C-alpha atoms as a PDB file:
ATOM      1  CA  MET A   1      95.824 149.445  41.637  1.00  0.00           C
ATOM      2  CA  SER A   2      98.668 150.755  39.166  1.00  0.00           C
ATOM      3  CA  LEU A   3     101.077 153.011  39.941  1.00  0.00           C
ATOM      4  CA  LEU A   4     101.932 153.841  36.525  1.00  0.00           C
ATOM      5  CA  PRO A   5     101.691 157.265  35.732  1.00  0.00           C
ATOM      6  CA  LEU A   6      98.382 158.548  33.971  1.00  0.00           C
ATOM      7  CA  SER A   7      98.038 160.443  30.685  1.00  0.00           C
ATOM      8  CA  ILE A   8      95.994 163.506  30.535  1.00  0.00           C
ATOM      9  CA  GLU A   9      95.702 165.169  26.839  1.00  0.00           C
ATOM     10  CA  GLY A  10      99.577 163.364  26.078  1.00  0.00           C
ATOM     11  CA  ARG A  11     100.764 165.016  29.167  1.00  0.00           C
ATOM     12  CA  SER A  12     102.410 162.387  31.739  1.00  0.00           C
ATOM     13  CA  VAL A  13     100.869 162.748  35.646  1.00  0.00           C
ATOM     14  CA  LYS A  14     103.427 161.827  38.487  1.00  0.00           C
ATOM     15  CA  THR A  15     102.573 159.674  41.463  1.00  0.00           C
ATOM     16  CA  ARG A  16     102.801 161.974  44.037  1.00  0.00           C
ATOM     17  CA  ILE A  17     104.910 160.976  47.383  1.00  0.00           C
ATOM     18  CA  LEU A  18     105.333 163.261  50.834  1.00  0.00           C
ATOM     19  CA  ILE A  19     108.187 162.235  53.146  1.00  0.00           C
ATOM     20  CA  THR A  20     108.848 163.480  56.428  1.00  0.00           C
ATOM     21  CA  GLY A  21     112.311 163.700  57.704  1.00  0.00           C
ATOM     22  CA  VAL A  22     113.238 164.524  54.391  1.00  0.00           C
ATOM     23  CA  ALA A  23     116.322 165.218  55.001  1.00  0.00           C
ATOM     24  CA  GLY A  24     117.588 162.532  57.375  1.00  0.00           C
ATOM     25  CA  PHE A  25     119.551 159.235  56.877  1.00  0.00           C
ATOM     26  CA  ILE A  26     116.645 157.132  55.260  1.00  0.00           C
ATOM     27  CA  GLY A  27     114.660 160.309  53.769  1.00  0.00           C
ATOM     28  CA  SER A  28     117.330 161.776  51.740  1.00  0.00           C
ATOM     29  CA  ASN A  29     118.478 158.340  50.101  1.00  0.00           C
ATOM     30  CA  LEU A  30     114.094 156.963  49.642  1.00  0.00           C
ATOM     31  CA  ALA A  31     113.796 161.108  47.500  1.00  0.00           C
ATOM     32  CA  GLN A  32     117.060 160.024  45.447  1.00  0.00           C
ATOM     33  CA  ARG A  33     115.851 156.774  45.030  1.00  0.00           C
ATOM     34  CA  LEU A  34     112.064 158.045  43.879  1.00  0.00           C
ATOM     35  CA  ILE A  35     113.449 160.353  41.728  1.00  0.00           C
ATOM     36  CA  GLU A  36     115.832 158.607  39.602  1.00  0.00           C
ATOM     37  CA  MET A  37     112.379 156.498  38.613  1.00  0.00           C
ATOM     38  CA  ALA A  38     111.461 159.313  37.071  1.00  0.00           C
ATOM     39  CA  ASP A  39     107.391 157.979  37.910  1.00  0.00           C
ATOM     40  CA  TYR A  40     107.710 160.310  41.202  1.00  0.00           C
ATOM     41  CA  GLU A  41     107.035 164.041  42.615  1.00  0.00           C
ATOM     42  CA  VAL A  42     108.432 164.399  45.563  1.00  0.00           C
ATOM     43  CA  ILE A  43     107.474 166.642  48.340  1.00  0.00           C
ATOM     44  CA  GLY A  44     109.795 167.086  51.483  1.00  0.00           C
ATOM     45  CA  ILE A  45     109.500 167.601  55.344  1.00  0.00           C
ATOM     46  CA  ASP A  46     112.311 167.926  57.426  1.00  0.00           C
ATOM     47  CA  ASN A  47     112.992 171.061  60.550  1.00  0.00           C
ATOM     48  CA  LEU A  48     116.789 170.145  60.377  1.00  0.00           C
ATOM     49  CA  MET A  49     117.067 169.780  63.702  1.00  0.00           C
ATOM     50  CA  ALA A  50     118.567 166.621  63.279  1.00  0.00           C
ATOM     51  CA  GLY A  51     118.555 166.479  59.202  1.00  0.00           C
ATOM     52  CA  ILE A  52     121.511 168.169  56.437  1.00  0.00           C
ATOM     53  CA  ARG A  53     119.519 170.592  53.838  1.00  0.00           C
ATOM     54  CA  GLU A  54     122.878 169.496  51.351  1.00  0.00           C
ATOM     55  CA  GLN A  55     121.289 166.299  51.642  1.00  0.00           C
ATOM     56  CA  VAL A  56     117.456 166.708  50.054  1.00  0.00           C
ATOM     57  CA  PRO A  57     117.803 165.757  46.161  1.00  0.00           C
ATOM     58  CA  GLU A  58     117.121 169.572  43.991  1.00  0.00           C
ATOM     59  CA  GLU A  59     114.501 168.136  42.798  1.00  0.00           C
ATOM     60  CA  VAL A  60     112.784 167.584  45.837  1.00  0.00           C
ATOM     61  CA  GLU A  61     109.427 170.485  46.584  1.00  0.00           C
ATOM     62  CA  PHE A  62     111.027 170.816  49.859  1.00  0.00           C
ATOM     63  CA  HIS A  63     109.517 172.972  53.020  1.00  0.00           C
ATOM     64  CA  GLU A  64     111.553 173.541  56.341  1.00  0.00           C
ATOM     65  CA  LEU A  65     108.621 172.446  58.907  1.00  0.00           C
ATOM     66  CA  ASP A  66     107.596 170.727  62.602  1.00  0.00           C
ATOM     67  CA  VAL A  67     105.624 167.473  62.165  1.00  0.00           C
ATOM     68  CA  ARG A  68     104.242 168.651  65.371  1.00  0.00           C
ATOM     69  CA  SER A  69     103.241 172.121  63.105  1.00  0.00           C
ATOM     70  CA  LYS A  70      99.293 172.372  61.768  1.00  0.00           C
ATOM     71  CA  GLU A  71     101.195 174.397  59.157  1.00  0.00           C
ATOM     72  CA  ILE A  72     102.257 170.831  57.356  1.00  0.00           C
ATOM     73  CA  TYR A  73      98.452 169.684  56.448  1.00  0.00           C
ATOM     74  CA  PRO A  74      98.473 172.328  53.563  1.00  0.00           C
ATOM     75  CA  PHE A  75     101.339 170.266  52.227  1.00  0.00           C
ATOM     76  CA  PHE A  76      99.868 167.429  52.064  1.00  0.00           C
ATOM     77  CA  GLN A  77      96.867 168.267  49.567  1.00  0.00           C
ATOM     78  CA  GLN A  78      96.865 166.303  46.511  1.00  0.00           C
ATOM     79  CA  VAL A  79      99.794 163.866  47.760  1.00  0.00           C
ATOM     80  CA  ASP A  80      99.106 159.978  47.081  1.00  0.00           C
ATOM     81  CA  TYR A  81     101.381 158.727  49.342  1.00  0.00           C
ATOM     82  CA  VAL A  82     103.088 159.492  52.579  1.00  0.00           C
ATOM     83  CA  TYR A  83     106.317 158.264  54.435  1.00  0.00           C
ATOM     84  CA  HIS A  84     106.385 158.931  57.679  1.00  0.00           C
ATOM     85  CA  LEU A  85     110.387 159.296  58.913  1.00  0.00           C
ATOM     86  CA  ALA A  86     110.758 161.889  61.073  1.00  0.00           C
ATOM     87  CA  ALA A  87     111.232 161.450  64.656  1.00  0.00           C
ATOM     88  CA  LYS A  88     113.717 161.655  67.474  1.00  0.00           C
ATOM     89  CA  ASN A  89     115.845 158.323  67.328  1.00  0.00           C
ATOM     90  CA  CYS A  90     119.347 159.196  69.035  1.00  0.00           C
ATOM     91  CA  LEU A  91     118.357 156.954  72.168  1.00  0.00           C
ATOM     92  CA  SER A  92     120.512 158.032  74.265  1.00  0.00           C
ATOM     93  CA  ASP A  93     119.394 161.829  73.831  1.00  0.00           C
ATOM     94  CA  CYS A  94     115.464 160.453  73.893  1.00  0.00           C
ATOM     95  CA  GLN A  95     116.366 158.930  77.906  1.00  0.00           C
ATOM     96  CA  LEU A  96     117.425 162.479  78.321  1.00  0.00           C
ATOM     97  CA  ASP A  97     114.719 164.487  77.170  1.00  0.00           C
ATOM     98  CA  PRO A  98     111.462 161.597  77.289  1.00  0.00           C
ATOM     99  CA  VAL A  99     108.821 165.144  76.806  1.00  0.00           C
ATOM    100  CA  GLU A 100     110.641 166.039  73.839  1.00  0.00           C
ATOM    101  CA  THR A 101     110.157 162.010  72.228  1.00  0.00           C
ATOM    102  CA  ALA A 102     107.022 162.132  73.055  1.00  0.00           C
ATOM    103  CA  GLU A 103     106.150 165.466  71.502  1.00  0.00           C
ATOM    104  CA  ILE A 104     107.933 164.877  68.134  1.00  0.00           C
ATOM    105  CA  ASN A 105     107.794 161.096  68.024  1.00  0.00           C
ATOM    106  CA  ILE A 106     103.932 160.183  69.241  1.00  0.00           C
ATOM    107  CA  ALA A 107     102.606 164.256  69.116  1.00  0.00           C
ATOM    108  CA  GLY A 108     104.187 164.482  65.859  1.00  0.00           C
ATOM    109  CA  THR A 109     102.954 161.251  64.445  1.00  0.00           C
ATOM    110  CA  VAL A 110      99.397 161.601  65.035  1.00  0.00           C
ATOM    111  CA  ASN A 111      99.369 165.252  63.799  1.00  0.00           C
ATOM    112  CA  VAL A 112     100.887 163.534  60.307  1.00  0.00           C
ATOM    113  CA  PHE A 113      98.325 160.425  60.378  1.00  0.00           C
ATOM    114  CA  GLU A 114      95.632 164.036  61.155  1.00  0.00           C
ATOM    115  CA  ALA A 115      97.043 165.630  57.710  1.00  0.00           C
ATOM    116  CA  ALA A 116      96.444 162.690  55.564  1.00  0.00           C
ATOM    117  CA  LYS A 117      93.214 161.855  57.054  1.00  0.00           C
ATOM    118  CA  ARG A 118      92.224 164.953  56.152  1.00  0.00           C
ATOM    119  CA  ALA A 119      93.631 165.135  52.376  1.00  0.00           C
ATOM    120  CA  LYS A 120      92.192 161.421  52.051  1.00  0.00           C
ATOM    121  CA  VAL A 121      96.017 160.491  51.059  1.00  0.00           C
ATOM    122  CA  ARG A 122      96.174 156.880  49.792  1.00  0.00           C
ATOM    123  CA  LYS A 123      98.316 155.798  52.266  1.00  0.00           C
ATOM    124  CA  ILE A 124     100.700 156.447  54.992  1.00  0.00           C
ATOM    125  CA  ILE A 125     104.025 154.144  55.000  1.00  0.00           C
ATOM    126  CA  TYR A 126     106.074 154.810  58.960  1.00  0.00           C
ATOM    127  CA  ALA A 127     108.593 154.076  60.752  1.00  0.00           C
ATOM    128  CA  GLU A 128     108.391 152.623  63.943  1.00  0.00           C
ATOM    129  CA  SER A 129     112.174 150.410  64.904  1.00  0.00           C
ATOM    130  CA  SER A 130     113.233 147.278  66.322  1.00  0.00           C
ATOM    131  CA  ALA A 131     114.084 148.845  69.721  1.00  0.00           C
ATOM    132  CA  ILE A 132     110.381 147.278  70.068  1.00  0.00           C
ATOM    133  CA  TYR A 133     112.059 144.029  70.551  1.00  0.00           C
ATOM    134  CA  GLU A 134     113.828 145.361  73.173  1.00  0.00           C
ATOM    135  CA  GLY A 135     112.930 143.332  75.980  1.00  0.00           C
ATOM    136  CA  SER A 136     112.360 139.805  74.138  1.00  0.00           C
ATOM    137  CA  ALA A 137     114.542 137.299  74.180  1.00  0.00           C
ATOM    138  CA  ILE A 138     113.080 135.781  71.268  1.00  0.00           C
ATOM    139  CA  PHE A 139     115.709 135.602  68.057  1.00  0.00           C
ATOM    140  CA  PRO A 140     114.552 135.490  65.470  1.00  0.00           C
ATOM    141  CA  THR A 141     112.309 138.262  66.997  1.00  0.00           C
ATOM    142  CA  PRO A 142     108.523 138.681  65.100  1.00  0.00           C
ATOM    143  CA  GLU A 143     106.378 141.458  64.400  1.00  0.00           C
ATOM    144  CA  SER A 144     104.183 139.820  67.483  1.00  0.00           C
ATOM    145  CA  GLU A 145     106.919 140.007  70.254  1.00  0.00           C
ATOM    146  CA  THR A 146     106.716 143.472  71.713  1.00  0.00           C
ATOM    147  CA  LYS A 147     108.722 144.650  74.566  1.00  0.00           C
ATOM    148  CA  PRO A 148     109.802 147.971  74.349  1.00  0.00           C
ATOM    149  CA  GLU A 149     112.036 149.677  77.511  1.00  0.00           C
ATOM    150  CA  SER A 150     113.726 152.676  76.842  1.00  0.00           C
ATOM    151  CA  PHE A 151     111.740 155.670  76.169  1.00  0.00           C
ATOM    152  CA  TYR A 152     112.018 155.814  72.635  1.00  0.00           C
ATOM    153  CA  ALA A 153     110.736 152.181  72.153  1.00  0.00           C
ATOM    154  CA  ILE A 154     107.686 153.289  74.352  1.00  0.00           C
ATOM    155  CA  SER A 155     107.099 156.165  72.112  1.00  0.00           C
ATOM    156  CA  LYS A 156     107.711 154.370  69.048  1.00  0.00           C
ATOM    157  CA  TRP A 157     105.182 151.798  69.913  1.00  0.00           C
ATOM    158  CA  ALA A 158     102.177 154.257  71.019  1.00  0.00           C
ATOM    159  CA  THR A 159     102.411 155.882  67.020  1.00  0.00           C
ATOM    160  CA  GLY A 160     101.569 151.750  66.285  1.00  0.00           C
ATOM    161  CA  GLN A 161      98.474 151.702  68.400  1.00  0.00           C
ATOM    162  CA  PHE A 162      97.753 155.346  66.444  1.00  0.00           C
ATOM    163  CA  ALA A 163      97.991 154.060  63.588  1.00  0.00           C
ATOM    164  CA  GLU A 164      95.914 151.390  64.048  1.00  0.00           C
ATOM    165  CA  ALA A 165      93.196 153.599  65.785  1.00  0.00           C
ATOM    166  CA  TYR A 166      93.316 155.554  62.892  1.00  0.00           C
ATOM    167  CA  ARG A 167      92.828 152.729  60.379  1.00  0.00           C
ATOM    168  CA  ARG A 168      89.705 151.956  62.448  1.00  0.00           C
ATOM    169  CA  PHE A 169      87.749 154.608  62.549  1.00  0.00           C
ATOM    170  CA  PHE A 170      88.950 156.760  59.699  1.00  0.00           C
ATOM    171  CA  GLN A 171      89.586 154.112  57.471  1.00  0.00           C
ATOM    172  CA  VAL A 172      93.506 155.256  57.133  1.00  0.00           C
ATOM    173  CA  LYS A 173      95.548 153.131  55.313  1.00  0.00           C
ATOM    174  CA  TYR A 174      99.165 152.506  56.818  1.00  0.00           C
ATOM    175  CA  THR A 175     102.052 150.363  56.880  1.00  0.00           C
ATOM    176  CA  ALA A 176     104.284 149.765  59.490  1.00  0.00           C
ATOM    177  CA  LEU A 177     107.746 149.128  59.156  1.00  0.00           C
ATOM    178  CA  ARG A 178     109.998 147.956  62.152  1.00  0.00           C
ATOM    179  CA  TYR A 179     113.771 148.826  60.333  1.00  0.00           C
ATOM    180  CA  PHE A 180     116.329 146.611  61.796  1.00  0.00           C
ATOM    181  CA  ASN A 181     120.064 149.037  61.999  1.00  0.00           C
ATOM    182  CA  VAL A 182     119.989 150.287  58.948  1.00  0.00           C
ATOM    183  CA  TYR A 183     123.605 151.321  57.179  1.00  0.00           C
ATOM    184  CA  GLY A 184     125.501 152.997  53.803  1.00  0.00           C
ATOM    185  CA  PRO A 185     125.664 156.439  51.707  1.00  0.00           C
ATOM    186  CA  ARG A 186     124.420 159.514  54.360  1.00  0.00           C
ATOM    187  CA  GLN A 187     124.072 157.393  57.781  1.00  0.00           C
ATOM    188  CA  ASP A 188     123.512 160.299  60.130  1.00  0.00           C
ATOM    189  CA  TYR A 189     127.255 161.455  61.895  1.00  0.00           C
ATOM    190  CA  ARG A 190     126.315 164.300  63.824  1.00  0.00           C
ATOM    191  CA  ARG A 191     124.736 162.557  67.080  1.00  0.00           C
ATOM    192  CA  SER A 192     126.357 163.029  70.047  1.00  0.00           C
ATOM    193  CA  ILE A 193     126.512 159.132  69.889  1.00  0.00           C
ATOM    194  CA  PRO A 194     126.511 158.097  65.919  1.00  0.00           C
ATOM    195  CA  PRO A 195     125.535 155.102  64.983  1.00  0.00           C
ATOM    196  CA  VAL A 196     128.502 152.530  65.260  1.00  0.00           C
ATOM    197  CA  MET A 197     129.889 152.398  61.563  1.00  0.00           C
ATOM    198  CA  SER A 198     130.387 155.969  60.698  1.00  0.00           C
ATOM    199  CA  ALA A 199     131.605 156.202  63.745  1.00  0.00           C
ATOM    200  CA  PHE A 200     134.515 153.629  63.376  1.00  0.00           C
ATOM    201  CA  ILE A 201     134.929 154.854  59.514  1.00  0.00           C
ATOM    202  CA  ILE A 202     135.589 158.088  60.448  1.00  0.00           C
ATOM    203  CA  LYS A 203     137.621 157.978  63.223  1.00  0.00           C
ATOM    204  CA  LEU A 204     139.964 155.848  61.726  1.00  0.00           C
ATOM    205  CA  LEU A 205     139.500 157.958  58.520  1.00  0.00           C
ATOM    206  CA  ARG A 206     141.576 159.954  60.644  1.00  0.00           C
ATOM    207  CA  ASN A 207     143.664 158.300  61.729  1.00  0.00           C
ATOM    208  CA  GLU A 208     141.636 157.861  65.624  1.00  0.00           C
ATOM    209  CA  GLN A 209     141.080 155.488  68.075  1.00  0.00           C
ATOM    210  CA  PRO A 210     137.138 154.292  67.991  1.00  0.00           C
ATOM    211  CA  VAL A 211     134.865 154.035  71.020  1.00  0.00           C
ATOM    212  CA  ILE A 212     133.093 150.944  71.966  1.00  0.00           C
ATOM    213  CA  TYR A 213     130.348 151.496  74.048  1.00  0.00           C
ATOM    214  CA  GLY A 214     130.263 147.872  76.269  1.00  0.00           C
ATOM    215  CA  THR A 215     132.832 145.003  75.642  1.00  0.00           C
ATOM    216  CA  GLY A 216     131.907 144.806  71.903  1.00  0.00           C
ATOM    217  CA  HIS A 217     129.656 141.407  72.131  1.00  0.00           C
ATOM    218  CA  LYS A 218     126.438 143.144  71.366  1.00  0.00           C
ATOM    219  CA  GLN A 219     124.992 141.752  67.933  1.00  0.00           C
ATOM    220  CA  ARG A 220     123.064 143.563  65.760  1.00  0.00           C
ATOM    221  CA  ASP A 221     121.307 142.671  62.587  1.00  0.00           C
ATOM    222  CA  PHE A 222     122.141 145.278  60.236  1.00  0.00           C
ATOM    223  CA  VAL A 223     120.053 145.781  56.444  1.00  0.00           C
ATOM    224  CA  TYR A 224     121.306 148.374  53.982  1.00  0.00           C
ATOM    225  CA  VAL A 225     119.657 150.882  53.136  1.00  0.00           C
ATOM    226  CA  GLY A 226     118.642 150.171  49.045  1.00  0.00           C
ATOM    227  CA  ASP A 227     117.013 146.977  50.180  1.00  0.00           C
ATOM    228  CA  VAL A 228     115.161 149.364  52.296  1.00  0.00           C
ATOM    229  CA  ASN A 229     113.954 151.194  49.800  1.00  0.00           C
ATOM    230  CA  ASP A 230     113.296 148.354  48.229  1.00  0.00           C
ATOM    231  CA  PHE A 231     110.358 148.067  50.815  1.00  0.00           C
ATOM    232  CA  HIS A 232     109.558 151.070  51.132  1.00  0.00           C
ATOM    233  CA  LEU A 233     108.839 150.908  46.986  1.00  0.00           C
ATOM    234  CA  LEU A 234     106.918 147.608  47.236  1.00  0.00           C
ATOM    235  CA  CYS A 235     104.423 149.288  49.940  1.00  0.00           C
ATOM    236  CA  LEU A 236     103.049 150.960  47.151  1.00  0.00           C
ATOM    237  CA  LYS A 237     102.784 148.582  44.958  1.00  0.00           C
ATOM    238  CA  ASP A 238     101.529 145.619  47.197  1.00  0.00           C
ATOM    239  CA  HIS A 239      97.946 145.786  48.998  1.00  0.00           C
ATOM    240  CA  ARG A 240      99.069 142.694  51.484  1.00  0.00           C
ATOM    241  CA  THR A 241     100.927 145.425  53.044  1.00  0.00           C
ATOM    242  CA  ASP A 242      98.052 147.501  53.386  1.00  0.00           C
ATOM    243  CA  GLY A 243      97.102 147.960  57.558  1.00  0.00           C
ATOM    244  CA  LYS A 244     100.704 145.203  58.624  1.00  0.00           C
ATOM    245  CA  ILE A 245     103.724 145.503  60.010  1.00  0.00           C
ATOM    246  CA  PHE A 246     106.833 144.402  59.026  1.00  0.00           C
ATOM    247  CA  ASN A 247     110.626 143.880  59.950  1.00  0.00           C
ATOM    248  CA  VAL A 248     112.441 145.469  57.913  1.00  0.00           C
ATOM    249  CA  GLY A 249     116.453 143.708  58.297  1.00  0.00           C
ATOM    250  CA  SER A 250     118.900 141.249  57.238  1.00  0.00           C
ATOM    251  CA  GLY A 251     117.937 137.978  59.219  1.00  0.00           C
ATOM    252  CA  VAL A 252     121.414 138.214  60.062  1.00  0.00           C
ATOM    253  CA  THR A 253     123.257 139.438  63.276  1.00  0.00           C
ATOM    254  CA  HIS A 254     127.176 140.556  63.558  1.00  0.00           C
ATOM    255  CA  SER A 255     128.847 141.749  66.612  1.00  0.00           C
ATOM    256  CA  ILE A 256     130.308 144.864  67.426  1.00  0.00           C
ATOM    257  CA  LEU A 257     133.795 143.824  66.863  1.00  0.00           C
ATOM    258  CA  GLU A 258     132.800 141.584  64.244  1.00  0.00           C
ATOM    259  CA  THR A 259     131.917 145.220  62.341  1.00  0.00           C
ATOM    260  CA  TYR A 260     134.641 146.803  63.619  1.00  0.00           C
ATOM    261  CA  GLU A 261     137.018 144.130  62.023  1.00  0.00           C
ATOM    262  CA  LEU A 262     135.530 144.199  58.879  1.00  0.00           C
ATOM    263  CA  ILE A 263     135.669 147.974  58.873  1.00  0.00           C
ATOM    264  CA  SER A 264     139.247 147.918  59.521  1.00  0.00           C
ATOM    265  CA  GLU A 265     141.014 145.412  57.210  1.00  0.00           C
ATOM    266  CA  LEU A 266     137.955 147.089  54.312  1.00  0.00           C
ATOM    267  CA  LEU A 267     139.966 150.404  55.504  1.00  0.00           C
ATOM    268  CA  GLY A 268     143.134 148.646  55.458  1.00  0.00           C
ATOM    269  CA  ARG A 269     143.941 150.144  59.075  1.00  0.00           C
ATOM    270  CA  LYS A 270     143.555 149.632  62.032  1.00  0.00           C
ATOM    271  CA  LYS A 271     143.701 151.561  65.560  1.00  0.00           C
ATOM    272  CA  GLU A 272     142.765 150.052  69.125  1.00  0.00           C
ATOM    273  CA  ALA A 273     139.620 150.718  70.274  1.00  0.00           C
ATOM    274  CA  ILE A 274     138.409 152.318  74.032  1.00  0.00           C
ATOM    275  CA  PHE A 275     136.042 150.714  75.353  1.00  0.00           C
ATOM    276  CA  LYS A 276     133.826 152.754  77.821  1.00  0.00           C
ATOM    277  CA  PRO A 277     130.565 151.734  79.789  1.00  0.00           C
ATOM    278  CA  ASP A 278     127.442 150.627  78.315  1.00  0.00           C
ATOM    279  CA  LEU A 279     124.556 153.015  76.966  1.00  0.00           C
ATOM    280  CA  PRO A 280     121.254 152.999  79.166  1.00  0.00           C
ATOM    281  CA  GLY A 281     118.960 151.231  77.456  1.00  0.00           C
ATOM    282  CA  GLU A 282     119.950 149.120  74.696  1.00  0.00           C
ATOM    283  CA  ALA A 283     119.318 145.589  73.621  1.00  0.00           C
ATOM    284  CA  GLN A 284     122.418 143.078  73.783  1.00  0.00           C
ATOM    285  CA  LYS A 285     121.094 141.563  70.270  1.00  0.00           C
ATOM    286  CA  THR A 286     118.995 142.339  67.502  1.00  0.00           C
ATOM    287  CA  LEU A 287     117.794 139.685  64.509  1.00  0.00           C
ATOM    288  CA  ALA A 288     115.243 140.139  62.488  1.00  0.00           C
ATOM    289  CA  ASP A 289     112.703 137.653  61.554  1.00  0.00           C
ATOM    290  CA  ILE A 290     112.062 138.277  57.643  1.00  0.00           C
ATOM    291  CA  THR A 291     109.192 135.492  57.697  1.00  0.00           C
ATOM    292  CA  GLU A 292     106.428 137.675  56.512  1.00  0.00           C
ATOM    293  CA  ALA A 293     108.609 140.207  54.326  1.00  0.00           C
ATOM    294  CA  LYS A 294     109.804 137.655  52.297  1.00  0.00           C
ATOM    295  CA  LYS A 295     106.108 136.002  51.053  1.00  0.00           C
ATOM    296  CA  LEU A 296     106.028 139.442  49.225  1.00  0.00           C
ATOM    297  CA  ARG A 297     109.351 138.159  47.249  1.00  0.00           C
ATOM    298  CA  TRP A 298     111.341 140.533  49.692  1.00  0.00           C
ATOM    299  CA  ALA A 299     114.825 139.480  50.261  1.00  0.00           C
ATOM    300  CA  PRO A 300     117.958 141.077  51.211  1.00  0.00           C
ATOM    301  CA  LYS A 301     120.674 141.901  48.780  1.00  0.00           C
ATOM    302  CA  VAL A 302     123.321 143.411  49.329  1.00  0.00           C
ATOM    303  CA  ASN A 303     125.853 142.032  51.908  1.00  0.00           C
ATOM    304  CA  MET A 304     127.855 143.811  54.813  1.00  0.00           C
ATOM    305  CA  ARG A 305     130.749 144.150  53.207  1.00  0.00           C
ATOM    306  CA  THR A 306     129.429 145.383  49.842  1.00  0.00           C
ATOM    307  CA  GLY A 307     127.136 147.654  51.659  1.00  0.00           C
ATOM    308  CA  LEU A 308     129.881 149.105  53.835  1.00  0.00           C
ATOM    309  CA  LYS A 309     132.364 149.541  50.631  1.00  0.00           C
ATOM    310  CA  LYS A 310     129.491 151.890  49.174  1.00  0.00           C
ATOM    311  CA  MET A 311     129.648 153.610  53.475  1.00  0.00           C
ATOM    312  CA  ILE A 312     133.078 153.688  53.039  1.00  0.00           C
ATOM    313  CA  ASP A 313     133.189 155.209  49.353  1.00  0.00           C
ATOM    314  CA  TYR A 314     130.719 158.002  50.172  1.00  0.00           C
ATOM    315  CA  ILE A 315     132.024 159.139  53.676  1.00  0.00           C
ATOM    316  CA  GLU A 316     135.118 160.005  51.961  1.00  0.00           C
ATOM    317  CA  HIS A 317     134.455 161.596  48.921  1.00  0.00           C
ATOM    318  CA  GLU A 318     132.225 163.887  51.636  1.00  0.00           C
ATOM    319  CA  MET A 319     135.864 164.169  53.818  1.00  0.00           C
ATOM    320  CA  SER A 320     137.466 164.899  50.404  1.00  0.00           C
ATOM    321  CA  GLN A 321     135.761 167.826  50.218  1.00  0.00           C
ATOM    322  CA  GLY A 322     135.115 169.304  53.380  1.00  0.00           C
ATOM    323  CA  ARG A 323     131.561 168.436  54.536  1.00  0.00           C
ATOM    324  CA  VAL A 324     132.292 165.821  57.431  1.00  0.00           C
ATOM    325  CA  SER A 325     133.180 167.941  60.029  1.00  0.00           C
ATOM    326  CA  VAL A 326     132.784 165.738  63.776  1.00  0.00           C
END
């Protein structure tokens, strides 16, 4: 099936894409990428509970709605593809409120699948998480090795069960993506406990001591958001992704201390870190087995040094404009 724009009476008809969580880190980057390609019309949904309205590109048809609400249903009409990225995804917040975690991540996802089913959307590409591998001791970790432990991970595992049920009973096509530690411009710094990269960069730019939870020896598979978007686009075009689950990571691991050292080097400044007790529920190591993704001729292109330089440039610009307020 071609995804090139059709022509009706000399007019180009764009492929219509709906993104939930469009004001978030990954969603806003994906929306920008699609718009720049000029072949896509983008509709965005976000309740702005965690997303930032200013991050949504002007060209997006934006609707401030919650994925748990049936009010989203009309906006799925005549949509070709859906990227479902909306979620409650701060691990510590999810641990504190498992009820809301289930409402947003499980019930919200089921509601999106129901809306897509009714509108006869061609396919849903939706976010699971590498947190599903929290209890695994197999590295690199393949898609078959699921051992969720935290409330967040369990909620993401449950979405996969519903996605497969919608495929089995209603023939709804999907691709599930298990993101590892995605980083890059627009990474969420407003969480109660921000991701390490944005937290380190902002603290050092302010000449403040960054916080490290645990010893700093935890290892993470960091993958640049631009590489993730390459895979997002591949899922639209390659039918081999239908009904499949893919790890989206770099296949390389770095410790938190190693990451801090690199950020310090790139910024040309360093402060002694404050070490705090480990956060509950966090895996000691993440490392993606990306064999399945590589079979589709996808591989990460951006190394961590290059990706961090882009991220630092973005955060410095945002701080200069007074938009980073924490």
